[in-house]
């Protein structure tokens, strides 16, 4: 499966569990370790774990192997390494602290539109 499609599937999985501020960053030109970073925030440690589990489950269904994971527990940041795609799920506090958007600001964002409808 192409890296961009993996990143988009991960974003959809995060979106399906109400992840917020989902962002896909194309780092292929600037990075030797991945082609795409997928970032998302959760409102609590429990939601962060649920978001990470959903992304892992969805990509496993697609036949994408999880190479490594870091951060489960009370860290506020879970990293899922799928090879060419790295999924980062943060609490809002940890996302602000590490500000990966700024670190990778010279890379292009991949457009992603939420499929989840807001409840009124």
PDB file of N, CA and C in Angstrom:
ATOM      1  N   UNK A   1       0.850  -1.180   0.000  1.00  0.00           N
ATOM      2  CA  UNK A   1       0.000   0.000   0.000  1.00  0.00           C
ATOM      3  C   UNK A   1       0.898   1.246   0.000  1.00  0.00           C
ATOM      4  N   UNK A   2       0.546   2.223  -0.786  1.00  0.00           N
ATOM      5  CA  UNK A   2       1.312   3.463  -0.897  1.00  0.00           C
ATOM      6  C   UNK A   2       1.289   4.250   0.419  1.00  0.00           C
ATOM      7  N   UNK A   3       2.412   4.871   0.752  1.00  0.00           N
ATOM      8  CA  UNK A   3       2.563   5.599   2.015  1.00  0.00           C
ATOM      9  C   UNK A   3       1.484   6.662   2.226  1.00  0.00           C
ATOM     10  N   UNK A   4       1.176   7.408   1.176  1.00  0.00           N
ATOM     11  CA  UNK A   4       0.166   8.469   1.310  1.00  0.00           C
ATOM     12  C   UNK A   4      -1.191   7.884   1.672  1.00  0.00           C
ATOM     13  N   UNK A   5      -1.546   6.755   1.072  1.00  0.00           N
ATOM     14  CA  UNK A   5      -2.826   6.106   1.391  1.00  0.00           C
ATOM     15  C   UNK A   5      -2.833   5.583   2.822  1.00  0.00           C
ATOM     16  N   UNK A   6      -1.708   5.092   3.291  1.00  0.00           N
ATOM     17  CA  UNK A   6      -1.605   4.644   4.682  1.00  0.00           C
ATOM     18  C   UNK A   6      -1.827   5.824   5.623  1.00  0.00           C
ATOM     19  N   UNK A   7      -1.191   6.947   5.316  1.00  0.00           N
ATOM     20  CA  UNK A   7      -1.350   8.147   6.144  1.00  0.00           C
ATOM     21  C   UNK A   7      -2.805   8.613   6.152  1.00  0.00           C
ATOM     22  N   UNK A   8      -3.447   8.598   4.996  1.00  0.00           N
ATOM     23  CA  UNK A   8      -4.858   9.007   4.922  1.00  0.00           C
ATOM     24  C   UNK A   8      -5.757   8.044   5.684  1.00  0.00           C
ATOM     25  N   UNK A   9      -5.485   6.737   5.592  1.00  0.00           N
ATOM     26  CA  UNK A   9      -6.272   5.759   6.355  1.00  0.00           C
ATOM     27  C   UNK A   9      -6.087   5.949   7.858  1.00  0.00           C
ATOM     28  N   UNK A  10      -4.867   6.235   8.274  1.00  0.00           N
ATOM     29  CA  UNK A  10      -4.616   6.498   9.698  1.00  0.00           C
ATOM     30  C   UNK A  10      -5.400   7.731  10.148  1.00  0.00           C
ATOM     31  N   UNK A  11      -5.384   8.778   9.335  1.00  0.00           N
ATOM     32  CA  UNK A  11      -6.127   9.997   9.673  1.00  0.00           C
ATOM     33  C   UNK A  11      -7.618   9.715   9.785  1.00  0.00           C
ATOM     34  N   UNK A  12      -8.159   8.921   8.868  1.00  0.00           N
ATOM     35  CA  UNK A  12      -9.590   8.569   8.920  1.00  0.00           C
ATOM     36  C   UNK A  12      -9.913   7.793  10.189  1.00  0.00           C
ATOM     37  N   UNK A  13      -9.022   6.876  10.570  1.00  0.00           N
ATOM     38  CA  UNK A  13      -9.238   6.106  11.796  1.00  0.00           C
ATOM     39  C   UNK A  13      -9.247   7.024  13.013  1.00  0.00           C
ATOM     40  N   UNK A  14      -8.312   7.956  13.064  1.00  0.00           N
ATOM     41  CA  UNK A  14      -8.251   8.920  14.176  1.00  0.00           C
ATOM     42  C   UNK A  14      -9.498   9.794  14.195  1.00  0.00           C
ATOM     43  N   UNK A  15      -9.931  10.187  13.031  1.00  0.00           N
ATOM     44  CA  UNK A  15     -11.130  11.014  12.900  1.00  0.00           C
ATOM     45  C   UNK A  15     -12.378  10.264  13.378  1.00  0.00           C
ATOM     46  N   UNK A  16     -12.432   8.968  13.089  1.00  0.00           N
ATOM     47  CA  UNK A  16     -13.612   8.178  13.460  1.00  0.00           C
ATOM     48  C   UNK A  16     -13.801   8.088  14.973  1.00  0.00           C
ATOM     49  N   UNK A  17     -12.718   8.286  15.721  1.00  0.00           N
ATOM     50  CA  UNK A  17     -12.779   8.262  17.191  1.00  0.00           C
ATOM     51  C   UNK A  17     -12.707   9.674  17.779  1.00  0.00           C
ATOM     52  N   UNK A  18     -13.006  10.645  16.931  1.00  0.00           N
ATOM     53  CA  UNK A  18     -13.064  12.053  17.366  1.00  0.00           C
ATOM     54  C   UNK A  18     -11.722  12.645  17.771  1.00  0.00           C
ATOM     55  N   UNK A  19     -10.669  12.215  17.092  1.00  0.00           N
ATOM     56  CA  UNK A  19      -9.393  12.887  17.280  1.00  0.00           C
ATOM     57  C   UNK A  19      -9.520  14.320  16.775  1.00  0.00           C
ATOM     58  N   UNK A  20      -8.780  15.216  17.365  1.00  0.00           N
ATOM     59  CA  UNK A  20      -8.880  16.614  16.945  1.00  0.00           C
ATOM     60  C   UNK A  20      -7.571  17.086  16.323  1.00  0.00           C
ATOM     61  N   UNK A  21      -7.660  18.172  15.574  1.00  0.00           N
ATOM     62  CA  UNK A  21      -6.492  18.794  14.933  1.00  0.00           C
ATOM     63  C   UNK A  21      -5.643  17.778  14.171  1.00  0.00           C
ATOM     64  N   UNK A  22      -6.296  16.965  13.363  1.00  0.00           N
ATOM     65  CA  UNK A  22      -5.584  15.946  12.592  1.00  0.00           C
ATOM     66  C   UNK A  22      -4.816  16.622  11.465  1.00  0.00           C
ATOM     67  N   UNK A  23      -3.553  16.262  11.367  1.00  0.00           N
ATOM     68  CA  UNK A  23      -2.676  16.862  10.364  1.00  0.00           C
ATOM     69  C   UNK A  23      -1.767  15.779   9.787  1.00  0.00           C
ATOM     70  N   UNK A  24      -1.639  15.790   8.466  1.00  0.00           N
ATOM     71  CA  UNK A  24      -0.708  14.890   7.783  1.00  0.00           C
ATOM     72  C   UNK A  24       0.386  15.768   7.191  1.00  0.00           C
ATOM     73  N   UNK A  25       1.637  15.432   7.491  1.00  0.00           N
ATOM     74  CA  UNK A  25       2.768  16.210   6.995  1.00  0.00           C
ATOM     75  C   UNK A  25       3.640  15.316   6.107  1.00  0.00           C
ATOM     76  N   UNK A  26       3.909  15.777   4.897  1.00  0.00           N
ATOM     77  CA  UNK A  26       4.774  15.065   3.962  1.00  0.00           C
ATOM     78  C   UNK A  26       6.219  15.439   4.290  1.00  0.00           C
ATOM     79  N   UNK A  27       6.952  14.512   4.895  1.00  0.00           N
ATOM     80  CA  UNK A  27       8.334  14.773   5.307  1.00  0.00           C
ATOM     81  C   UNK A  27       9.350  14.037   4.430  1.00  0.00           C
ATOM     82  N   UNK A  28       8.895  13.451   3.342  1.00  0.00           N
ATOM     83  CA  UNK A  28       9.752  12.599   2.511  1.00  0.00           C
ATOM     84  C   UNK A  28      11.007  13.308   2.018  1.00  0.00           C
ATOM     85  N   UNK A  29      10.898  14.570   1.664  1.00  0.00           N
ATOM     86  CA  UNK A  29      12.044  15.307   1.131  1.00  0.00           C
ATOM     87  C   UNK A  29      13.040  15.729   2.214  1.00  0.00           C
ATOM     88  N   UNK A  30      12.589  15.738   3.477  1.00  0.00           N
ATOM     89  CA  UNK A  30      13.423  16.250   4.572  1.00  0.00           C
ATOM     90  C   UNK A  30      13.819  15.181   5.585  1.00  0.00           C
ATOM     91  N   UNK A  31      13.319  13.961   5.412  1.00  0.00           N
ATOM     92  CA  UNK A  31      13.513  12.933   6.425  1.00  0.00           C
ATOM     93  C   UNK A  31      14.019  11.637   5.806  1.00  0.00           C
ATOM     94  N   UNK A  32      14.876  10.955   6.545  1.00  0.00           N
ATOM     95  CA  UNK A  32      15.338   9.641   6.102  1.00  0.00           C
ATOM     96  C   UNK A  32      14.564   8.515   6.790  1.00  0.00           C
ATOM     97  N   UNK A  33      13.731   8.863   7.781  1.00  0.00           N
ATOM     98  CA  UNK A  33      13.060   7.818   8.560  1.00  0.00           C
ATOM     99  C   UNK A  33      11.602   7.590   8.199  1.00  0.00           C
ATOM    100  N   UNK A  34      10.973   8.508   7.462  1.00  0.00           N
ATOM    101  CA  UNK A  34       9.559   8.345   7.115  1.00  0.00           C
ATOM    102  C   UNK A  34       9.210   9.247   5.943  1.00  0.00           C
ATOM    103  N   UNK A  35       8.072   8.945   5.322  1.00  0.00           N
ATOM    104  CA  UNK A  35       7.532   9.791   4.256  1.00  0.00           C
ATOM    105  C   UNK A  35       6.449  10.732   4.784  1.00  0.00           C
ATOM    106  N   UNK A  36       5.668  10.242   5.769  1.00  0.00           N
ATOM    107  CA  UNK A  36       4.562  11.030   6.302  1.00  0.00           C
ATOM    108  C   UNK A  36       4.501  10.931   7.817  1.00  0.00           C
ATOM    109  N   UNK A  37       4.144  12.044   8.438  1.00  0.00           N
ATOM    110  CA  UNK A  37       3.799  12.081   9.852  1.00  0.00           C
ATOM    111  C   UNK A  37       2.309  12.383   9.931  1.00  0.00           C
ATOM    112  N   UNK A  38       1.619  11.661  10.785  1.00  0.00           N
ATOM    113  CA  UNK A  38       0.212  11.932  11.042  1.00  0.00           C
ATOM    114  C   UNK A  38       0.117  12.357  12.497  1.00  0.00           C
ATOM    115  N   UNK A  39      -0.451  13.531  12.737  1.00  0.00           N
ATOM    116  CA  UNK A  39      -0.587  14.071  14.089  1.00  0.00           C
ATOM    117  C   UNK A  39      -2.058  14.192  14.439  1.00  0.00           C
ATOM    118  N   UNK A  40      -2.378  13.906  15.690  1.00  0.00           N
ATOM    119  CA  UNK A  40      -3.742  14.092  16.185  1.00  0.00           C
ATOM    120  C   UNK A  40      -3.691  14.323  17.689  1.00  0.00           C
ATOM    121  N   UNK A  41      -4.724  14.961  18.192  1.00  0.00           N
ATOM    122  CA  UNK A  41      -4.829  15.226  19.632  1.00  0.00           C
ATOM    123  C   UNK A  41      -6.053  14.542  20.204  1.00  0.00           C
ATOM    124  N   UNK A  42      -5.927  14.169  21.474  1.00  0.00           N
ATOM    125  CA  UNK A  42      -7.046  13.646  22.244  1.00  0.00           C
ATOM    126  C   UNK A  42      -7.208  14.483  23.494  1.00  0.00           C
ATOM    127  N   UNK A  43      -8.388  14.475  24.054  1.00  0.00           N
ATOM    128  CA  UNK A  43      -8.675  15.337  25.196  1.00  0.00           C
ATOM    129  C   UNK A  43      -8.265  14.737  26.538  1.00  0.00           C
ATOM    130  N   UNK A  44      -7.884  13.457  26.547  1.00  0.00           N
ATOM    131  CA  UNK A  44      -7.481  12.793  27.794  1.00  0.00           C
ATOM    132  C   UNK A  44      -6.530  11.656  27.466  1.00  0.00           C
ATOM    133  N   UNK A  45      -5.855  11.135  28.481  1.00  0.00           N
ATOM    134  CA  UNK A  45      -4.972   9.986  28.272  1.00  0.00           C
ATOM    135  C   UNK A  45      -5.739   8.787  27.731  1.00  0.00           C
ATOM    136  N   UNK A  46      -6.944   8.605  28.223  1.00  0.00           N
ATOM    137  CA  UNK A  46      -7.780   7.489  27.764  1.00  0.00           C
ATOM    138  C   UNK A  46      -8.117   7.641  26.281  1.00  0.00           C
ATOM    139  N   UNK A  47      -8.485   8.856  25.863  1.00  0.00           N
ATOM    140  CA  UNK A  47      -8.806   9.055  24.453  1.00  0.00           C
ATOM    141  C   UNK A  47      -7.560   8.902  23.577  1.00  0.00           C
ATOM    142  N   UNK A  48      -6.422   9.381  24.039  1.00  0.00           N
ATOM    143  CA  UNK A  48      -5.172   9.226  23.277  1.00  0.00           C
ATOM    144  C   UNK A  48      -4.905   7.744  23.024  1.00  0.00           C
ATOM    145  N   UNK A  49      -5.053   6.910  24.043  1.00  0.00           N
ATOM    146  CA  UNK A  49      -4.846   5.464  23.882  1.00  0.00           C
ATOM    147  C   UNK A  49      -5.876   4.864  22.924  1.00  0.00           C
ATOM    148  N   UNK A  50      -7.122   5.305  23.034  1.00  0.00           N
ATOM    149  CA  UNK A  50      -8.179   4.812  22.151  1.00  0.00           C
ATOM    150  C   UNK A  50      -7.910   5.202  20.700  1.00  0.00           C
ATOM    151  N   UNK A  51      -7.449   6.416  20.482  1.00  0.00           N
ATOM    152  CA  UNK A  51      -7.116   6.870  19.133  1.00  0.00           C
ATOM    153  C   UNK A  51      -5.978   6.032  18.544  1.00  0.00           C
ATOM    154  N   UNK A  52      -4.940   5.822  19.327  1.00  0.00           N
ATOM    155  CA  UNK A  52      -3.806   5.022  18.863  1.00  0.00           C
ATOM    156  C   UNK A  52      -4.241   3.592  18.546  1.00  0.00           C
ATOM    157  N   UNK A  53      -5.057   3.010  19.404  1.00  0.00           N
ATOM    158  CA  UNK A  53      -5.551   1.649  19.171  1.00  0.00           C
ATOM    159  C   UNK A  53      -6.362   1.574  17.881  1.00  0.00           C
ATOM    160  N   UNK A  54      -7.188   2.578  17.636  1.00  0.00           N
ATOM    161  CA  UNK A  54      -8.017   2.600  16.420  1.00  0.00           C
ATOM    162  C   UNK A  54      -7.141   2.693  15.165  1.00  0.00           C
ATOM    163  N   UNK A  55      -6.139   3.552  15.192  1.00  0.00           N
ATOM    164  CA  UNK A  55      -5.231   3.675  14.046  1.00  0.00           C
ATOM    165  C   UNK A  55      -4.500   2.353  13.806  1.00  0.00           C
ATOM    166  N   UNK A  56      -4.013   1.740  14.878  1.00  0.00           N
ATOM    167  CA  UNK A  56      -3.312   0.461  14.754  1.00  0.00           C
ATOM    168  C   UNK A  56      -4.231  -0.620  14.191  1.00  0.00           C
ATOM    169  N   UNK A  57      -5.455  -0.694  14.703  1.00  0.00           N
ATOM    170  CA  UNK A  57      -6.411  -1.707  14.232  1.00  0.00           C
ATOM    171  C   UNK A  57      -6.766  -1.509  12.763  1.00  0.00           C
ATOM    172  N   UNK A  58      -7.023  -0.267  12.364  1.00  0.00           N
ATOM    173  CA  UNK A  58      -7.407   0.022  10.977  1.00  0.00           C
ATOM    174  C   UNK A  58      -6.278  -0.337  10.019  1.00  0.00           C
ATOM    175  N   UNK A  59      -5.072   0.044  10.366  1.00  0.00           N
ATOM    176  CA  UNK A  59      -3.957  -0.249   9.467  1.00  0.00           C
ATOM    177  C   UNK A  59      -3.631  -1.742   9.442  1.00  0.00           C
ATOM    178  N   UNK A  60      -3.848  -2.428  10.562  1.00  0.00           N
ATOM    179  CA  UNK A  60      -3.673  -3.888  10.571  1.00  0.00           C
ATOM    180  C   UNK A  60      -4.674  -4.544   9.619  1.00  0.00           C
ATOM    181  N   UNK A  61      -5.914  -4.048   9.596  1.00  0.00           N
ATOM    182  CA  UNK A  61      -6.925  -4.550   8.653  1.00  0.00           C
ATOM    183  C   UNK A  61      -6.464  -4.367   7.212  1.00  0.00           C
ATOM    184  N   UNK A  62      -5.737  -3.287   6.964  1.00  0.00           N
ATOM    185  CA  UNK A  62      -5.225  -2.987   5.622  1.00  0.00           C
ATOM    186  C   UNK A  62      -3.947  -3.779   5.306  1.00  0.00           C
ATOM    187  N   UNK A  63      -3.464  -4.553   6.274  1.00  0.00           N
ATOM    188  CA  UNK A  63      -2.254  -5.338   6.067  1.00  0.00           C
ATOM    189  C   UNK A  63      -0.966  -4.573   6.298  1.00  0.00           C
ATOM    190  N   UNK A  64      -1.064  -3.433   6.998  1.00  0.00           N
ATOM    191  CA  UNK A  64       0.116  -2.617   7.283  1.00  0.00           C
ATOM    192  C   UNK A  64       0.658  -3.015   8.649  1.00  0.00           C
ATOM    193  N   UNK A  65       1.906  -3.431   8.669  1.00  0.00           N
ATOM    194  CA  UNK A  65       2.525  -3.935   9.888  1.00  0.00           C
ATOM    195  C   UNK A  65       3.024  -2.803  10.788  1.00  0.00           C
ATOM    196  N   UNK A  66       2.689  -2.877  12.065  1.00  0.00           N
ATOM    197  CA  UNK A  66       3.227  -1.956  13.064  1.00  0.00           C
ATOM    198  C   UNK A  66       4.647  -2.407  13.386  1.00  0.00           C
ATOM    199  N   UNK A  67       5.613  -1.533  13.150  1.00  0.00           N
ATOM    200  CA  UNK A  67       7.020  -1.858  13.403  1.00  0.00           C
ATOM    201  C   UNK A  67       7.375  -1.682  14.877  1.00  0.00           C
ATOM    202  N   UNK A  68       6.840  -0.609  15.477  1.00  0.00           N
ATOM    203  CA  UNK A  68       7.154  -0.298  16.869  1.00  0.00           C
ATOM    204  C   UNK A  68       6.140   0.707  17.406  1.00  0.00           C
ATOM    205  N   UNK A  69       5.986   0.722  18.719  1.00  0.00           N
ATOM    206  CA  UNK A  69       5.139   1.738  19.365  1.00  0.00           C
ATOM    207  C   UNK A  69       5.823   2.183  20.645  1.00  0.00           C
ATOM    208  N   UNK A  70       5.586   3.424  20.998  1.00  0.00           N
ATOM    209  CA  UNK A  70       6.170   4.020  22.199  1.00  0.00           C
ATOM    210  C   UNK A  70       5.132   4.898  22.871  1.00  0.00           C
ATOM    211  N   UNK A  71       5.203   4.983  24.194  1.00  0.00           N
ATOM    212  CA  UNK A  71       4.456   6.004  24.911  1.00  0.00           C
ATOM    213  C   UNK A  71       3.159   5.601  25.569  1.00  0.00           C
ATOM    214  N   UNK A  72       2.751   4.347  25.471  1.00  0.00           N
ATOM    215  CA  UNK A  72       1.520   3.967  26.169  1.00  0.00           C
ATOM    216  C   UNK A  72       1.730   4.155  27.666  1.00  0.00           C
ATOM    217  N   UNK A  73       0.669   4.439  28.374  1.00  0.00           N
ATOM    218  CA  UNK A  73       0.741   4.709  29.806  1.00  0.00           C
ATOM    219  C   UNK A  73       0.347   6.148  30.058  1.00  0.00           C
ATOM    220  N   UNK A  74       1.097   6.827  30.865  1.00  0.00           N
ATOM    221  CA  UNK A  74       0.748   8.197  31.253  1.00  0.00           C
ATOM    222  C   UNK A  74       1.641   9.255  30.609  1.00  0.00           C
ATOM    223  N   UNK A  75       2.172   8.964  29.427  1.00  0.00           N
ATOM    224  CA  UNK A  75       3.120   9.889  28.810  1.00  0.00           C
ATOM    225  C   UNK A  75       2.440  11.063  28.107  1.00  0.00           C
ATOM    226  N   UNK A  76       1.215  10.866  27.625  1.00  0.00           N
ATOM    227  CA  UNK A  76       0.530  11.925  26.887  1.00  0.00           C
ATOM    228  C   UNK A  76       0.931  11.990  25.421  1.00  0.00           C
ATOM    229  N   UNK A  77       1.758  11.051  24.966  1.00  0.00           N
ATOM    230  CA  UNK A  77       2.181  11.024  23.563  1.00  0.00           C
ATOM    231  C   UNK A  77       2.418   9.568  23.182  1.00  0.00           C
ATOM    232  N   UNK A  78       1.675   9.084  22.211  1.00  0.00           N
ATOM    233  CA  UNK A  78       1.870   7.729  21.704  1.00  0.00           C
ATOM    234  C   UNK A  78       2.350   7.828  20.257  1.00  0.00           C
ATOM    235  N   UNK A  79       3.430   7.132  19.967  1.00  0.00           N
ATOM    236  CA  UNK A  79       3.998   7.097  18.634  1.00  0.00           C
ATOM    237  C   UNK A  79       3.829   5.691  18.078  1.00  0.00           C
ATOM    238  N   UNK A  80       3.280   5.598  16.887  1.00  0.00           N
ATOM    239  CA  UNK A  80       3.118   4.329  16.191  1.00  0.00           C
ATOM    240  C   UNK A  80       3.949   4.386  14.914  1.00  0.00           C
ATOM    241  N   UNK A  81       4.900   3.479  14.785  1.00  0.00           N
ATOM    242  CA  UNK A  81       5.801   3.456  13.645  1.00  0.00           C
ATOM    243  C   UNK A  81       5.353   2.374  12.665  1.00  0.00           C
ATOM    244  N   UNK A  82       4.860   2.821  11.514  1.00  0.00           N
ATOM    245  CA  UNK A  82       4.439   1.901  10.457  1.00  0.00           C
ATOM    246  C   UNK A  82       5.437   1.916   9.296  1.00  0.00           C
ATOM    247  N   UNK A  83       6.682   2.241   9.590  1.00  0.00           N
ATOM    248  CA  UNK A  83       7.700   2.293   8.545  1.00  0.00           C
ATOM    249  C   UNK A  83       7.728   3.669   7.904  1.00  0.00           C
ATOM    250  N   UNK A  84       7.134   3.797   6.745  1.00  0.00           N
ATOM    251  CA  UNK A  84       7.135   5.077   6.032  1.00  0.00           C
ATOM    252  C   UNK A  84       6.116   6.072   6.582  1.00  0.00           C
ATOM    253  N   UNK A  85       5.275   5.634   7.507  1.00  0.00           N
ATOM    254  CA  UNK A  85       4.275   6.503   8.130  1.00  0.00           C
ATOM    255  C   UNK A  85       4.414   6.397   9.646  1.00  0.00           C
ATOM    256  N   UNK A  86       4.541   7.561  10.291  1.00  0.00           N
ATOM    257  CA  UNK A  86       4.624   7.626  11.749  1.00  0.00           C
ATOM    258  C   UNK A  86       3.378   8.353  12.247  1.00  0.00           C
ATOM    259  N   UNK A  87       2.627   7.698  13.121  1.00  0.00           N
ATOM    260  CA  UNK A  87       1.425   8.294  13.705  1.00  0.00           C
ATOM    261  C   UNK A  87       1.769   8.764  15.113  1.00  0.00           C
ATOM    262  N   UNK A  88       1.482  10.034  15.390  1.00  0.00           N
ATOM    263  CA  UNK A  88       1.717  10.630  16.709  1.00  0.00           C
ATOM    264  C   UNK A  88       0.383  11.090  17.277  1.00  0.00           C
ATOM    265  N   UNK A  89       0.033  10.558  18.440  1.00  0.00           N
ATOM    266  CA  UNK A  89      -1.213  10.958  19.093  1.00  0.00           C
ATOM    267  C   UNK A  89      -0.848  11.557  20.445  1.00  0.00           C
ATOM    268  N   UNK A  90      -1.316  12.778  20.667  1.00  0.00           N
ATOM    269  CA  UNK A  90      -0.939  13.546  21.848  1.00  0.00           C
ATOM    270  C   UNK A  90      -2.145  13.969  22.669  1.00  0.00           C
ATOM    271  N   UNK A  91      -1.903  14.245  23.956  1.00  0.00           N
ATOM    272  CA  UNK A  91      -2.839  15.087  24.676  1.00  0.00           C
ATOM    273  C   UNK A  91      -2.593  16.498  24.145  1.00  0.00           C
ATOM    274  N   UNK A  92      -3.543  17.374  24.328  1.00  0.00           N
ATOM    275  CA  UNK A  92      -3.379  18.746  23.825  1.00  0.00           C
ATOM    276  C   UNK A  92      -2.165  19.424  24.456  1.00  0.00           C
ATOM    277  N   UNK A  93      -1.942  19.171  25.739  1.00  0.00           N
ATOM    278  CA  UNK A  93      -0.798  19.757  26.450  1.00  0.00           C
ATOM    279  C   UNK A  93       0.533  19.296  25.851  1.00  0.00           C
ATOM    280  N   UNK A  94       0.658  18.007  25.592  1.00  0.00           N
ATOM    281  CA  UNK A  94       1.914  17.479  25.039  1.00  0.00           C
ATOM    282  C   UNK A  94       2.117  17.925  23.595  1.00  0.00           C
ATOM    283  N   UNK A  95       1.040  18.052  22.848  1.00  0.00           N
ATOM    284  CA  UNK A  95       1.177  18.521  21.469  1.00  0.00           C
ATOM    285  C   UNK A  95       1.696  19.953  21.442  1.00  0.00           C
ATOM    286  N   UNK A  96       1.175  20.780  22.342  1.00  0.00           N
ATOM    287  CA  UNK A  96       1.661  22.160  22.442  1.00  0.00           C
ATOM    288  C   UNK A  96       3.129  22.186  22.864  1.00  0.00           C
ATOM    289  N   UNK A  97       3.488  21.311  23.788  1.00  0.00           N
ATOM    290  CA  UNK A  97       4.855  21.283  24.305  1.00  0.00           C
ATOM    291  C   UNK A  97       5.870  20.923  23.217  1.00  0.00           C
ATOM    292  N   UNK A  98       5.590  19.882  22.438  1.00  0.00           N
ATOM    293  CA  UNK A  98       6.557  19.401  21.449  1.00  0.00           C
ATOM    294  C   UNK A  98       6.405  20.071  20.086  1.00  0.00           C
ATOM    295  N   UNK A  99       5.250  20.607  19.789  1.00  0.00           N
ATOM    296  CA  UNK A  99       5.002  21.439  18.611  1.00  0.00           C
ATOM    297  C   UNK A  99       5.672  20.913  17.337  1.00  0.00           C
ATOM    298  N   UNK A 100       5.339  19.680  16.964  1.00  0.00           N
ATOM    299  CA  UNK A 100       5.926  19.087  15.768  1.00  0.00           C
ATOM    300  C   UNK A 100       5.557  19.849  14.501  1.00  0.00           C
ATOM    301  N   UNK A 101       4.434  20.539  14.521  1.00  0.00           N
ATOM    302  CA  UNK A 101       4.059  21.353  13.371  1.00  0.00           C
ATOM    303  C   UNK A 101       5.127  22.408  13.084  1.00  0.00           C
ATOM    304  N   UNK A 102       5.696  22.978  14.137  1.00  0.00           N
ATOM    305  CA  UNK A 102       6.744  23.985  13.965  1.00  0.00           C
ATOM    306  C   UNK A 102       8.057  23.332  13.526  1.00  0.00           C
ATOM    307  N   UNK A 103       8.372  22.178  14.114  1.00  0.00           N
ATOM    308  CA  UNK A 103       9.596  21.464  13.755  1.00  0.00           C
ATOM    309  C   UNK A 103       9.598  21.137  12.262  1.00  0.00           C
ATOM    310  N   UNK A 104       8.449  20.741  11.721  1.00  0.00           N
ATOM    311  CA  UNK A 104       8.334  20.330  10.323  1.00  0.00           C
ATOM    312  C   UNK A 104       7.629  21.401   9.481  1.00  0.00           C
ATOM    313  N   UNK A 105       7.705  22.651   9.893  1.00  0.00           N
ATOM    314  CA  UNK A 105       7.001  23.744   9.209  1.00  0.00           C
ATOM    315  C   UNK A 105       7.440  23.927   7.762  1.00  0.00           C
ATOM    316  N   UNK A 106       8.641  23.499   7.419  1.00  0.00           N
ATOM    317  CA  UNK A 106       9.119  23.655   6.048  1.00  0.00           C
ATOM    318  C   UNK A 106       8.669  22.507   5.136  1.00  0.00           C
ATOM    319  N   UNK A 107       7.816  21.620   5.669  1.00  0.00           N
ATOM    320  CA  UNK A 107       7.275  20.514   4.883  1.00  0.00           C
ATOM    321  C   UNK A 107       5.814  20.805   4.541  1.00  0.00           C
ATOM    322  N   UNK A 108       5.361  20.164   3.488  1.00  0.00           N
ATOM    323  CA  UNK A 108       4.011  20.395   3.009  1.00  0.00           C
ATOM    324  C   UNK A 108       2.986  19.552   3.770  1.00  0.00           C
ATOM    325  N   UNK A 109       1.865  20.188   4.109  1.00  0.00           N
ATOM    326  CA  UNK A 109       0.752  19.462   4.722  1.00  0.00           C
ATOM    327  C   UNK A 109      -0.076  18.816   3.616  1.00  0.00           C
ATOM    328  N   UNK A 110      -0.580  17.623   3.882  1.00  0.00           N
ATOM    329  CA  UNK A 110      -1.450  16.915   2.947  1.00  0.00           C
ATOM    330  C   UNK A 110      -2.888  17.234   3.340  1.00  0.00           C
ATOM    331  N   UNK A 111      -3.687  17.723   2.398  1.00  0.00           N
ATOM    332  CA  UNK A 111      -5.079  18.060   2.736  1.00  0.00           C
ATOM    333  C   UNK A 111      -5.835  16.844   3.265  1.00  0.00           C
ATOM    334  N   UNK A 112      -6.563  17.064   4.347  1.00  0.00           N
ATOM    335  CA  UNK A 112      -7.415  16.016   4.904  1.00  0.00           C
ATOM    336  C   UNK A 112      -8.712  16.653   5.391  1.00  0.00           C
ATOM    337  N   UNK A 113      -9.816  16.134   4.932  1.00  0.00           N
ATOM    338  CA  UNK A 113     -11.135  16.619   5.337  1.00  0.00           C
ATOM    339  C   UNK A 113     -11.796  15.586   6.239  1.00  0.00           C
ATOM    340  N   UNK A 114     -12.356  16.041   7.344  1.00  0.00           N
ATOM    341  CA  UNK A 114     -13.044  15.156   8.270  1.00  0.00           C
ATOM    342  C   UNK A 114     -14.317  14.594   7.642  1.00  0.00           C
ATOM    343  N   UNK A 115     -14.548  13.299   7.869  1.00  0.00           N
ATOM    344  CA  UNK A 115     -15.786  12.666   7.439  1.00  0.00           C
ATOM    345  C   UNK A 115     -16.815  12.628   8.559  1.00  0.00           C
ATOM    346  N   UNK A 116     -16.391  12.954   9.769  1.00  0.00           N
ATOM    347  CA  UNK A 116     -17.269  12.873  10.932  1.00  0.00           C
ATOM    348  C   UNK A 116     -18.134  14.128  10.989  1.00  0.00           C
ATOM    349  N   UNK A 117     -19.418  13.930  11.116  1.00  0.00           N
ATOM    350  CA  UNK A 117     -20.362  15.040  11.207  1.00  0.00           C
ATOM    351  C   UNK A 117     -20.489  15.484  12.656  1.00  0.00           C
ATOM    352  N   UNK A 118     -20.468  16.781  12.863  1.00  0.00           N
ATOM    353  CA  UNK A 118     -20.635  17.328  14.212  1.00  0.00           C
ATOM    354  C   UNK A 118     -22.073  17.173  14.669  1.00  0.00           C
ATOM    355  N   UNK A 119     -22.238  16.790  15.920  1.00  0.00           N
ATOM    356  CA  UNK A 119     -23.595  16.694  16.481  1.00  0.00           C
ATOM    357  C   UNK A 119     -24.056  18.083  16.889  1.00  0.00           C
ATOM    358  N   UNK A 120     -25.310  18.356  16.587  1.00  0.00           N
ATOM    359  CA  UNK A 120     -25.865  19.682  16.914  1.00  0.00           C
ATOM    360  C   UNK A 120     -26.669  19.605  18.187  1.00  0.00           C
TER     361      UNK A 120
END
